[in-house]
């Protein structure tokens, strides 16, 4: 079963590793960076390997069966 999360964006963007930490998907920013480095995180359907990729409103981040929709 897919777990769907929404993240309320408070600025122009959030770095991918911080998004994973703040949504509770990763225990820390370092853990978030490790997940990205493993190639298991995708943004809008594409594998994302940049740990500090700028994630903006309207984008969908996926990790396994977890979906994080970024909203304003």
PDB file of N, CA and C in Angstrom:
ATOM      1  N   UNK A   1       0.843  -1.195   0.000  1.00  0.00           N
ATOM      2  CA  UNK A   1       0.000   0.000   0.000  1.00  0.00           C
ATOM      3  C   UNK A   1       0.880   1.248   0.000  1.00  0.00           C
ATOM      4  N   UNK A   2       0.530   2.182  -0.833  1.00  0.00           N
ATOM      5  CA  UNK A   2       1.312   3.412  -0.947  1.00  0.00           C
ATOM      6  C   UNK A   2       0.963   4.360   0.186  1.00  0.00           C
ATOM      7  N   UNK A   3       2.004   4.916   0.783  1.00  0.00           N
ATOM      8  CA  UNK A   3       1.819   5.924   1.823  1.00  0.00           C
ATOM      9  C   UNK A   3       1.982   7.288   1.177  1.00  0.00           C
ATOM     10  N   UNK A   4       0.931   8.102   1.225  1.00  0.00           N
ATOM     11  CA  UNK A   4       0.967   9.417   0.592  1.00  0.00           C
ATOM     12  C   UNK A   4       1.116  10.504   1.658  1.00  0.00           C
ATOM     13  N   UNK A   5       2.130  11.336   1.487  1.00  0.00           N
ATOM     14  CA  UNK A   5       2.379  12.442   2.406  1.00  0.00           C
ATOM     15  C   UNK A   5       2.296  13.750   1.637  1.00  0.00           C
ATOM     16  N   UNK A   6       1.923  14.814   2.336  1.00  0.00           N
ATOM     17  CA  UNK A   6       1.975  16.140   1.736  1.00  0.00           C
ATOM     18  C   UNK A   6       2.913  16.982   2.574  1.00  0.00           C
ATOM     19  N   UNK A   7       3.731  17.787   1.896  1.00  0.00           N
ATOM     20  CA  UNK A   7       4.647  18.681   2.596  1.00  0.00           C
ATOM     21  C   UNK A   7       4.332  20.107   2.189  1.00  0.00           C
ATOM     22  N   UNK A   8       4.049  20.948   3.170  1.00  0.00           N
ATOM     23  CA  UNK A   8       3.731  22.358   2.932  1.00  0.00           C
ATOM     24  C   UNK A   8       5.032  23.142   2.783  1.00  0.00           C
ATOM     25  N   UNK A   9       5.253  23.663   1.590  1.00  0.00           N
ATOM     26  CA  UNK A   9       6.472  24.411   1.305  1.00  0.00           C
ATOM     27  C   UNK A   9       6.340  25.831   1.829  1.00  0.00           C
ATOM     28  N   UNK A  10       7.352  26.300   2.561  1.00  0.00           N
ATOM     29  CA  UNK A  10       7.290  27.644   3.152  1.00  0.00           C
ATOM     30  C   UNK A  10       8.151  28.660   2.416  1.00  0.00           C
ATOM     31  N   UNK A  11       8.929  28.205   1.446  1.00  0.00           N
ATOM     32  CA  UNK A  11       9.766  29.130   0.681  1.00  0.00           C
ATOM     33  C   UNK A  11       9.688  28.765  -0.782  1.00  0.00           C
ATOM     34  N   UNK A  12      10.715  29.148  -1.540  1.00  0.00           N
ATOM     35  CA  UNK A  12      10.732  28.848  -2.974  1.00  0.00           C
ATOM     36  C   UNK A  12      11.012  27.375  -3.237  1.00  0.00           C
ATOM     37  N   UNK A  13      11.862  26.783  -2.390  1.00  0.00           N
ATOM     38  CA  UNK A  13      12.226  25.372  -2.577  1.00  0.00           C
ATOM     39  C   UNK A  13      12.724  24.791  -1.268  1.00  0.00           C
ATOM     40  N   UNK A  14      12.893  23.461  -1.254  1.00  0.00           N
ATOM     41  CA  UNK A  14      13.532  22.763  -0.131  1.00  0.00           C
ATOM     42  C   UNK A  14      14.513  21.762  -0.731  1.00  0.00           C
ATOM     43  N   UNK A  15      15.650  21.592  -0.078  1.00  0.00           N
ATOM     44  CA  UNK A  15      16.617  20.616  -0.557  1.00  0.00           C
ATOM     45  C   UNK A  15      16.078  19.212  -0.310  1.00  0.00           C
ATOM     46  N   UNK A  16      16.334  18.321  -1.260  1.00  0.00           N
ATOM     47  CA  UNK A  16      15.779  16.976  -1.211  1.00  0.00           C
ATOM     48  C   UNK A  16      16.098  16.252   0.097  1.00  0.00           C
ATOM     49  N   UNK A  17      17.355  16.284   0.551  1.00  0.00           N
ATOM     50  CA  UNK A  17      17.724  15.579   1.782  1.00  0.00           C
ATOM     51  C   UNK A  17      16.961  16.135   2.986  1.00  0.00           C
ATOM     52  N   UNK A  18      16.721  17.453   3.009  1.00  0.00           N
ATOM     53  CA  UNK A  18      15.968  18.062   4.111  1.00  0.00           C
ATOM     54  C   UNK A  18      14.491  17.682   4.050  1.00  0.00           C
ATOM     55  N   UNK A  19      13.943  17.561   2.844  1.00  0.00           N
ATOM     56  CA  UNK A  19      12.555  17.133   2.690  1.00  0.00           C
ATOM     57  C   UNK A  19      12.357  15.736   3.268  1.00  0.00           C
ATOM     58  N   UNK A  20      13.295  14.842   2.985  1.00  0.00           N
ATOM     59  CA  UNK A  20      13.197  13.469   3.506  1.00  0.00           C
ATOM     60  C   UNK A  20      13.255  13.465   5.026  1.00  0.00           C
ATOM     61  N   UNK A  21      14.085  14.341   5.591  1.00  0.00           N
ATOM     62  CA  UNK A  21      14.204  14.428   7.049  1.00  0.00           C
ATOM     63  C   UNK A  21      12.930  15.014   7.668  1.00  0.00           C
ATOM     64  N   UNK A  22      12.445  16.112   7.112  1.00  0.00           N
ATOM     65  CA  UNK A  22      11.304  16.808   7.710  1.00  0.00           C
ATOM     66  C   UNK A  22       9.993  16.032   7.575  1.00  0.00           C
ATOM     67  N   UNK A  23       9.882  15.155   6.596  1.00  0.00           N
ATOM     68  CA  UNK A  23       8.680  14.334   6.457  1.00  0.00           C
ATOM     69  C   UNK A  23       8.767  13.051   7.265  1.00  0.00           C
ATOM     70  N   UNK A  24       9.930  12.805   7.893  1.00  0.00           N
ATOM     71  CA  UNK A  24      10.091  11.620   8.720  1.00  0.00           C
ATOM     72  C   UNK A  24      10.480  10.370   7.938  1.00  0.00           C
ATOM     73  N   UNK A  25      10.710  10.513   6.640  1.00  0.00           N
ATOM     74  CA  UNK A  25      11.117   9.371   5.822  1.00  0.00           C
ATOM     75  C   UNK A  25      12.539   8.951   6.207  1.00  0.00           C
ATOM     76  N   UNK A  26      13.387   9.950   6.506  1.00  0.00           N
ATOM     77  CA  UNK A  26      14.755   9.687   6.956  1.00  0.00           C
ATOM     78  C   UNK A  26      14.904  10.208   8.378  1.00  0.00           C
ATOM     79  N   UNK A  27      15.709   9.511   9.185  1.00  0.00           N
ATOM     80  CA  UNK A  27      15.895   9.914  10.586  1.00  0.00           C
ATOM     81  C   UNK A  27      16.677  11.210  10.729  1.00  0.00           C
ATOM     82  N   UNK A  28      17.526  11.514   9.736  1.00  0.00           N
ATOM     83  CA  UNK A  28      18.356  12.718   9.803  1.00  0.00           C
ATOM     84  C   UNK A  28      18.677  13.174   8.388  1.00  0.00           C
ATOM     85  N   UNK A  29      19.282  14.360   8.283  1.00  0.00           N
ATOM     86  CA  UNK A  29      19.701  14.845   6.973  1.00  0.00           C
ATOM     87  C   UNK A  29      20.738  13.919   6.358  1.00  0.00           C
ATOM     88  N   UNK A  30      21.611  13.378   7.193  1.00  0.00           N
ATOM     89  CA  UNK A  30      22.633  12.448   6.709  1.00  0.00           C
ATOM     90  C   UNK A  30      22.013  11.175   6.162  1.00  0.00           C
ATOM     91  N   UNK A  31      20.988  10.686   6.850  1.00  0.00           N
ATOM     92  CA  UNK A  31      20.284   9.489   6.373  1.00  0.00           C
ATOM     93  C   UNK A  31      19.574   9.787   5.059  1.00  0.00           C
ATOM     94  N   UNK A  32      19.034  10.996   4.944  1.00  0.00           N
ATOM     95  CA  UNK A  32      18.382  11.411   3.698  1.00  0.00           C
ATOM     96  C   UNK A  32      19.376  11.451   2.553  1.00  0.00           C
ATOM     97  N   UNK A  33      20.570  11.984   2.817  1.00  0.00           N
ATOM     98  CA  UNK A  33      21.620  12.034   1.794  1.00  0.00           C
ATOM     99  C   UNK A  33      22.026  10.630   1.360  1.00  0.00           C
ATOM    100  N   UNK A  34      22.093   9.705   2.323  1.00  0.00           N
ATOM    101  CA  UNK A  34      22.464   8.322   2.013  1.00  0.00           C
ATOM    102  C   UNK A  34      21.411   7.675   1.113  1.00  0.00           C
ATOM    103  N   UNK A  35      20.140   7.918   1.386  1.00  0.00           N
ATOM    104  CA  UNK A  35      19.071   7.358   0.548  1.00  0.00           C
ATOM    105  C   UNK A  35      19.180   7.875  -0.880  1.00  0.00           C
ATOM    106  N   UNK A  36      19.431   9.176  -1.024  1.00  0.00           N
ATOM    107  CA  UNK A  36      19.569   9.768  -2.352  1.00  0.00           C
ATOM    108  C   UNK A  36      20.775   9.166  -3.066  1.00  0.00           C
ATOM    109  N   UNK A  37      21.891   9.023  -2.350  1.00  0.00           N
ATOM    110  CA  UNK A  37      23.121   8.473  -2.938  1.00  0.00           C
ATOM    111  C   UNK A  37      22.923   7.030  -3.408  1.00  0.00           C
ATOM    112  N   UNK A  38      22.032   6.286  -2.738  1.00  0.00           N
ATOM    113  CA  UNK A  38      21.758   4.900  -3.116  1.00  0.00           C
ATOM    114  C   UNK A  38      20.937   4.797  -4.398  1.00  0.00           C
ATOM    115  N   UNK A  39      20.382   5.919  -4.846  1.00  0.00           N
ATOM    116  CA  UNK A  39      19.596   5.908  -6.075  1.00  0.00           C
ATOM    117  C   UNK A  39      18.198   5.357  -5.907  1.00  0.00           C
ATOM    118  N   UNK A  40      17.646   5.456  -4.705  1.00  0.00           N
ATOM    119  CA  UNK A  40      16.309   4.913  -4.450  1.00  0.00           C
ATOM    120  C   UNK A  40      15.228   5.999  -4.365  1.00  0.00           C
ATOM    121  N   UNK A  41      15.630   7.257  -4.586  1.00  0.00           N
ATOM    122  CA  UNK A  41      14.693   8.375  -4.508  1.00  0.00           C
ATOM    123  C   UNK A  41      14.466   8.917  -5.915  1.00  0.00           C
ATOM    124  N   UNK A  42      13.190   9.103  -6.277  1.00  0.00           N
ATOM    125  CA  UNK A  42      12.903   9.702  -7.583  1.00  0.00           C
ATOM    126  C   UNK A  42      12.083  10.966  -7.402  1.00  0.00           C
ATOM    127  N   UNK A  43      12.285  11.904  -8.327  1.00  0.00           N
ATOM    128  CA  UNK A  43      11.551  13.162  -8.353  1.00  0.00           C
ATOM    129  C   UNK A  43      10.844  13.233  -9.705  1.00  0.00           C
ATOM    130  N   UNK A  44       9.529  13.345  -9.662  1.00  0.00           N
ATOM    131  CA  UNK A  44       8.720  13.374 -10.886  1.00  0.00           C
ATOM    132  C   UNK A  44       9.059  12.215 -11.819  1.00  0.00           C
ATOM    133  N   UNK A  45       9.264  11.026 -11.236  1.00  0.00           N
ATOM    134  CA  UNK A  45       9.470   9.827 -12.021  1.00  0.00           C
ATOM    135  C   UNK A  45      10.895   9.563 -12.478  1.00  0.00           C
ATOM    136  N   UNK A  46      11.824  10.455 -12.151  1.00  0.00           N
ATOM    137  CA  UNK A  46      13.222  10.294 -12.548  1.00  0.00           C
ATOM    138  C   UNK A  46      14.092  10.101 -11.301  1.00  0.00           C
ATOM    139  N   UNK A  47      14.995   9.128 -11.349  1.00  0.00           N
ATOM    140  CA  UNK A  47      15.918   8.927 -10.222  1.00  0.00           C
ATOM    141  C   UNK A  47      16.731  10.206 -10.015  1.00  0.00           C
ATOM    142  N   UNK A  48      16.802  10.655  -8.772  1.00  0.00           N
ATOM    143  CA  UNK A  48      17.529  11.892  -8.439  1.00  0.00           C
ATOM    144  C   UNK A  48      18.727  11.543  -7.570  1.00  0.00           C
ATOM    145  N   UNK A  49      19.919  11.886  -8.044  1.00  0.00           N
ATOM    146  CA  UNK A  49      21.149  11.581  -7.304  1.00  0.00           C
ATOM    147  C   UNK A  49      21.768  12.815  -6.658  1.00  0.00           C
ATOM    148  N   UNK A  50      21.187  13.991  -6.881  1.00  0.00           N
ATOM    149  CA  UNK A  50      21.703  15.220  -6.246  1.00  0.00           C
ATOM    150  C   UNK A  50      21.052  15.365  -4.878  1.00  0.00           C
ATOM    151  N   UNK A  51      21.858  15.257  -3.840  1.00  0.00           N
ATOM    152  CA  UNK A  51      21.326  15.287  -2.470  1.00  0.00           C
ATOM    153  C   UNK A  51      20.638  16.605  -2.145  1.00  0.00           C
ATOM    154  N   UNK A  52      21.151  17.694  -2.723  1.00  0.00           N
ATOM    155  CA  UNK A  52      20.588  19.010  -2.421  1.00  0.00           C
ATOM    156  C   UNK A  52      19.773  19.549  -3.596  1.00  0.00           C
ATOM    157  N   UNK A  53      19.190  18.639  -4.384  1.00  0.00           N
ATOM    158  CA  UNK A  53      18.322  19.069  -5.490  1.00  0.00           C
ATOM    159  C   UNK A  53      17.212  19.948  -4.931  1.00  0.00           C
ATOM    160  N   UNK A  54      16.897  21.022  -5.645  1.00  0.00           N
ATOM    161  CA  UNK A  54      15.863  21.949  -5.194  1.00  0.00           C
ATOM    162  C   UNK A  54      14.492  21.403  -5.571  1.00  0.00           C
ATOM    163  N   UNK A  55      13.707  21.089  -4.557  1.00  0.00           N
ATOM    164  CA  UNK A  55      12.363  20.561  -4.756  1.00  0.00           C
ATOM    165  C   UNK A  55      11.376  21.706  -4.570  1.00  0.00           C
ATOM    166  N   UNK A  56      10.533  21.895  -5.581  1.00  0.00           N
ATOM    167  CA  UNK A  56       9.590  23.010  -5.564  1.00  0.00           C
ATOM    168  C   UNK A  56       8.152  22.500  -5.508  1.00  0.00           C
ATOM    169  N   UNK A  57       7.229  23.423  -5.224  1.00  0.00           N
ATOM    170  CA  UNK A  57       5.804  23.078  -5.149  1.00  0.00           C
ATOM    171  C   UNK A  57       5.354  22.414  -6.442  1.00  0.00           C
ATOM    172  N   UNK A  58       4.524  21.383  -6.305  1.00  0.00           N
ATOM    173  CA  UNK A  58       3.994  20.675  -7.454  1.00  0.00           C
ATOM    174  C   UNK A  58       4.784  19.432  -7.818  1.00  0.00           C
ATOM    175  N   UNK A  59       5.952  19.256  -7.207  1.00  0.00           N
ATOM    176  CA  UNK A  59       6.761  18.087  -7.530  1.00  0.00           C
ATOM    177  C   UNK A  59       6.381  16.903  -6.645  1.00  0.00           C
ATOM    178  N   UNK A  60       6.640  15.707  -7.171  1.00  0.00           N
ATOM    179  CA  UNK A  60       6.343  14.470  -6.464  1.00  0.00           C
ATOM    180  C   UNK A  60       7.643  13.717  -6.224  1.00  0.00           C
ATOM    181  N   UNK A  61       7.921  13.442  -4.952  1.00  0.00           N
ATOM    182  CA  UNK A  61       9.119  12.694  -4.573  1.00  0.00           C
ATOM    183  C   UNK A  61       8.666  11.301  -4.155  1.00  0.00           C
ATOM    184  N   UNK A  62       9.324  10.263  -4.679  1.00  0.00           N
ATOM    185  CA  UNK A  62       8.954   8.894  -4.366  1.00  0.00           C
ATOM    186  C   UNK A  62      10.151   8.119  -3.839  1.00  0.00           C
ATOM    187  N   UNK A  63       9.875   7.298  -2.845  1.00  0.00           N
ATOM    188  CA  UNK A  63      10.888   6.439  -2.239  1.00  0.00           C
ATOM    189  C   UNK A  63      10.187   5.151  -1.836  1.00  0.00           C
ATOM    190  N   UNK A  64      10.438   4.085  -2.581  1.00  0.00           N
ATOM    191  CA  UNK A  64       9.735   2.832  -2.313  1.00  0.00           C
ATOM    192  C   UNK A  64       8.245   3.024  -2.468  1.00  0.00           C
ATOM    193  N   UNK A  65       7.486   2.716  -1.411  1.00  0.00           N
ATOM    194  CA  UNK A  65       6.033   2.878  -1.487  1.00  0.00           C
ATOM    195  C   UNK A  65       5.560   4.173  -0.817  1.00  0.00           C
ATOM    196  N   UNK A  66       6.463   5.144  -0.699  1.00  0.00           N
ATOM    197  CA  UNK A  66       6.133   6.430  -0.101  1.00  0.00           C
ATOM    198  C   UNK A  66       6.127   7.507  -1.190  1.00  0.00           C
ATOM    199  N   UNK A  67       5.059   8.291  -1.223  1.00  0.00           N
ATOM    200  CA  UNK A  67       4.962   9.427  -2.140  1.00  0.00           C
ATOM    201  C   UNK A  67       4.870  10.694  -1.310  1.00  0.00           C
ATOM    202  N   UNK A  68       5.691  11.674  -1.651  1.00  0.00           N
ATOM    203  CA  UNK A  68       5.631  12.978  -0.965  1.00  0.00           C
ATOM    204  C   UNK A  68       5.268  14.017  -2.015  1.00  0.00           C
ATOM    205  N   UNK A  69       4.084  14.605  -1.862  1.00  0.00           N
ATOM    206  CA  UNK A  69       3.630  15.666  -2.758  1.00  0.00           C
ATOM    207  C   UNK A  69       3.972  16.994  -2.090  1.00  0.00           C
ATOM    208  N   UNK A  70       4.674  17.862  -2.808  1.00  0.00           N
ATOM    209  CA  UNK A  70       5.072  19.161  -2.266  1.00  0.00           C
ATOM    210  C   UNK A  70       4.023  20.187  -2.700  1.00  0.00           C
ATOM    211  N   UNK A  71       3.428  20.833  -1.708  1.00  0.00           N
ATOM    212  CA  UNK A  71       2.357  21.811  -1.980  1.00  0.00           C
ATOM    213  C   UNK A  71       2.726  23.164  -1.398  1.00  0.00           C
ATOM    214  N   UNK A  72       1.984  24.198  -1.830  1.00  0.00           N
ATOM    215  CA  UNK A  72       2.215  25.539  -1.293  1.00  0.00           C
ATOM    216  C   UNK A  72       1.175  25.876  -0.254  1.00  0.00           C
TER     217      UNK A  72
END
